[in-house]
Amino acid sequence: MKFFLNSNSSSYLRSLENEFGESSNAIRVELNRFEQANLLSSSTRGNRKYFRANKDHPLFHDIHNLLLKHIGIDQVIEKVVHKLGDVQAVYLVGDFAKGSDSSIIDLLFVGKDIDKEYLARLTDKCEKLIQHKIRYLVFDNKTIKDFLKEYSPEEILLLLKQ
């Protein structure tokens, strides 16, 4: 999930060791397997080897979509977004966007005349379906740009743009 949910996510061995609480050897073995399968690519910066998803791999989009389904984001988009009004974009931010599992899904909705009461009701229903808590904020096109500046590219995942 770390690499395939958000293709902007990259990491090096020691940071993954801290993040997952696993031994560096176990993580190294898995990273090497993914790299040999060409699912991950790597680059060296200083004395660190950074890994990231290979977006050109034929299975990248399938893996990405499977993760969205596993988390339940596809259901949020399907059951909530299309009934809200003029939704122009939806972003996933925070832990899930970075590829870390979390009990909370943070979403940013961008549009005008979004029915916030309806969004709250539908979000409650979706939380029961996907068994994750959903936090959301609603922005217009002007204010979202300033808000997104607070996040690094690894913490933002565009889910829908219309």
Protein backbone atom coordinates (compact mmCIF):
# COMPACT_ATOMS: atom_id res chain seq x y z
CA MET A 1 0.00 0.00 0.00
CA LYS A 2 2.90 2.34 0.76
CA PHE A 3 3.91 2.69 -2.87
CA PHE A 4 0.92 1.69 -4.97
CA LEU A 5 -1.85 3.80 -3.45
CA ASN A 6 -0.06 7.08 -4.15
CA SER A 7 2.53 6.90 -6.91
CA ASN A 8 4.20 10.06 -5.55
CA SER A 9 5.22 8.15 -2.45
CA SER A 10 8.88 7.20 -2.15
CA SER A 11 10.86 5.91 0.78
CA TYR A 12 14.18 4.42 1.82
CA LEU A 13 14.94 1.31 3.87
CA ARG A 14 15.45 2.87 7.32
CA SER A 15 12.32 5.00 7.11
CA LEU A 16 10.30 1.91 6.20
CA GLU A 17 11.87 0.03 9.12
CA ASN A 18 10.63 2.73 11.51
CA GLU A 19 7.23 3.00 9.82
CA PHE A 20 6.44 -0.71 9.78
CA GLY A 21 8.31 -1.82 12.90
CA GLU A 22 9.97 -4.66 10.97
CA SER A 23 13.61 -5.62 10.65
CA SER A 24 15.57 -3.92 7.91
CA ASN A 25 16.55 -7.32 6.50
CA ALA A 26 12.93 -8.44 6.05
CA ILE A 27 12.03 -5.15 4.39
CA ARG A 28 15.13 -5.27 2.17
CA VAL A 29 14.19 -8.74 0.93
CA GLU A 30 10.68 -7.58 -0.03
CA LEU A 31 11.92 -4.37 -1.66
CA ASN A 32 14.40 -6.39 -3.73
CA ARG A 33 11.64 -8.77 -4.82
CA PHE A 34 9.43 -5.90 -5.94
CA GLU A 35 12.35 -4.25 -7.71
CA GLN A 36 13.32 -7.48 -9.50
CA ALA A 37 9.70 -7.83 -10.64
CA ASN A 38 9.99 -4.25 -11.95
CA LEU A 39 7.07 -3.15 -9.76
CA LEU A 40 9.35 -0.74 -7.89
CA SER A 41 12.06 1.49 -9.26
CA SER A 42 14.90 2.93 -7.23
CA SER A 43 17.22 5.91 -7.23
CA THR A 44 20.13 6.87 -5.01
CA ARG A 45 20.30 10.22 -3.24
CA GLY A 46 23.34 10.62 -1.08
CA ASN A 47 23.85 7.33 0.71
CA ARG A 48 20.15 6.38 0.59
CA LYS A 49 18.41 4.19 -1.95
CA TYR A 50 14.85 5.45 -2.49
CA PHE A 51 12.10 3.21 -3.82
CA ARG A 52 8.89 4.20 -5.57
CA ALA A 53 6.22 2.47 -7.61
CA ASN A 54 7.00 1.93 -11.26
CA LYS A 55 4.01 3.65 -12.87
CA ASP A 56 5.02 2.22 -16.25
CA HIS A 57 4.58 -1.37 -15.10
CA PRO A 58 1.57 -2.98 -16.83
CA LEU A 59 0.07 -3.99 -13.47
CA PHE A 60 0.49 -0.65 -11.70
CA HIS A 61 -3.04 0.62 -12.42
CA ASP A 62 -4.59 -2.73 -11.50
CA ILE A 63 -2.76 -2.80 -8.16
CA HIS A 64 -3.69 0.84 -7.52
CA ASN A 65 -7.38 0.14 -8.22
CA LEU A 66 -7.34 -2.97 -6.02
CA LEU A 67 -6.03 -0.89 -3.13
CA LEU A 68 -8.74 1.73 -3.65
CA LYS A 69 -11.34 -1.05 -3.52
CA HIS A 70 -9.70 -2.66 -0.48
CA ILE A 71 -9.83 0.62 1.45
CA GLY A 72 -13.32 1.38 0.20
CA ILE A 73 -12.57 4.68 -1.47
CA ASP A 74 -14.21 3.50 -4.67
CA GLN A 75 -17.47 3.13 -2.71
CA VAL A 76 -17.11 6.61 -1.23
CA ILE A 77 -16.71 8.06 -4.71
CA GLU A 78 -19.53 5.95 -6.15
CA LYS A 79 -22.07 6.40 -3.35
CA VAL A 80 -21.30 9.91 -2.12
CA VAL A 81 -19.65 12.18 -4.66
CA HIS A 82 -21.95 11.85 -7.63
CA LYS A 83 -25.01 12.93 -5.62
CA LEU A 84 -23.59 16.02 -3.94
CA GLY A 85 -23.93 18.71 -6.54
CA ASP A 86 -21.14 20.35 -8.50
CA VAL A 87 -18.13 18.38 -7.22
CA GLN A 88 -15.09 19.29 -9.30
CA ALA A 89 -12.40 17.32 -7.46
CA VAL A 90 -11.86 14.96 -4.54
CA TYR A 91 -8.50 14.54 -2.82
CA LEU A 92 -7.33 11.92 -0.37
CA VAL A 93 -4.86 13.42 2.12
CA GLY A 94 -3.01 12.29 5.21
CA ASP A 95 -1.97 8.79 6.21
CA PHE A 96 -3.83 6.88 3.51
CA ALA A 97 -2.46 9.16 0.79
CA LYS A 98 1.04 8.38 2.09
CA GLY A 99 0.27 4.67 1.86
CA SER A 100 -0.05 4.06 5.58
CA ASP A 101 -3.01 2.20 6.98
CA SER A 102 -5.22 4.26 9.23
CA SER A 103 -8.64 4.04 10.82
CA ILE A 104 -9.46 7.48 9.38
CA ILE A 105 -9.85 8.49 5.74
CA ASP A 106 -9.32 12.22 5.16
CA LEU A 107 -11.05 13.63 2.07
CA LEU A 108 -11.15 17.11 0.55
CA PHE A 109 -14.11 17.94 -1.69
CA VAL A 110 -13.81 20.83 -4.15
CA GLY A 111 -16.81 22.39 -5.80
CA LYS A 112 -19.65 24.83 -5.51
CA ASP A 113 -23.08 24.37 -4.01
CA ILE A 114 -22.08 21.07 -2.39
CA ASP A 115 -24.90 19.81 -0.17
CA LYS A 116 -23.06 19.45 3.16
CA GLU A 117 -26.02 17.97 5.03
CA TYR A 118 -26.42 15.29 2.40
CA LEU A 119 -22.64 14.69 2.49
CA ALA A 120 -22.80 14.12 6.25
CA ARG A 121 -25.65 11.60 5.93
CA LEU A 122 -23.99 9.69 3.10
CA THR A 123 -20.63 9.72 4.84
CA ASP A 124 -22.21 8.04 7.88
CA LYS A 125 -23.58 5.30 5.63
CA CYS A 126 -20.26 4.81 3.85
CA GLU A 127 -18.39 4.56 7.16
CA LYS A 128 -20.50 1.54 8.04
CA LEU A 129 -19.85 -0.06 4.65
CA ILE A 130 -16.09 0.41 4.59
CA GLN A 131 -15.47 0.22 8.36
CA HIS A 132 -13.30 3.35 8.42
CA LYS A 133 -14.02 6.78 9.87
CA ILE A 134 -14.27 9.49 7.19
CA ARG A 135 -13.27 13.09 7.85
CA TYR A 136 -13.93 15.64 5.15
CA LEU A 137 -13.59 19.30 4.33
CA VAL A 138 -15.34 21.21 1.55
CA PHE A 139 -13.54 23.91 -0.44
CA ASP A 140 -14.16 26.11 -3.44
CA ASN A 141 -11.60 26.35 -6.26
CA LYS A 142 -9.95 29.45 -4.81
CA THR A 143 -9.32 28.25 -1.25
CA ILE A 144 -8.22 24.69 -2.03
CA LYS A 145 -4.94 25.80 -3.61
CA ASP A 146 -3.75 27.51 -0.43
CA PHE A 147 -4.83 24.58 1.72
CA LEU A 148 -3.01 22.01 -0.45
CA LYS A 149 0.25 23.95 -0.02
CA GLU A 150 0.33 22.60 3.56
CA TYR A 151 0.85 19.06 2.22
CA SER A 152 3.79 17.45 0.46
CA PRO A 153 3.08 15.69 -2.87
CA GLU A 154 3.30 12.33 -1.05
CA GLU A 155 0.41 13.36 1.22
CA ILE A 156 -2.04 14.24 -1.59
CA LEU A 157 -3.81 11.85 -3.92
CA LEU A 158 -6.27 13.17 -6.49
CA LEU A 159 -9.18 10.70 -6.63
CA LEU A 160 -11.58 12.52 -8.91
CA LYS A 161 -11.35 15.49 -11.24
CA GLN A 162 -14.25 16.61 -13.41
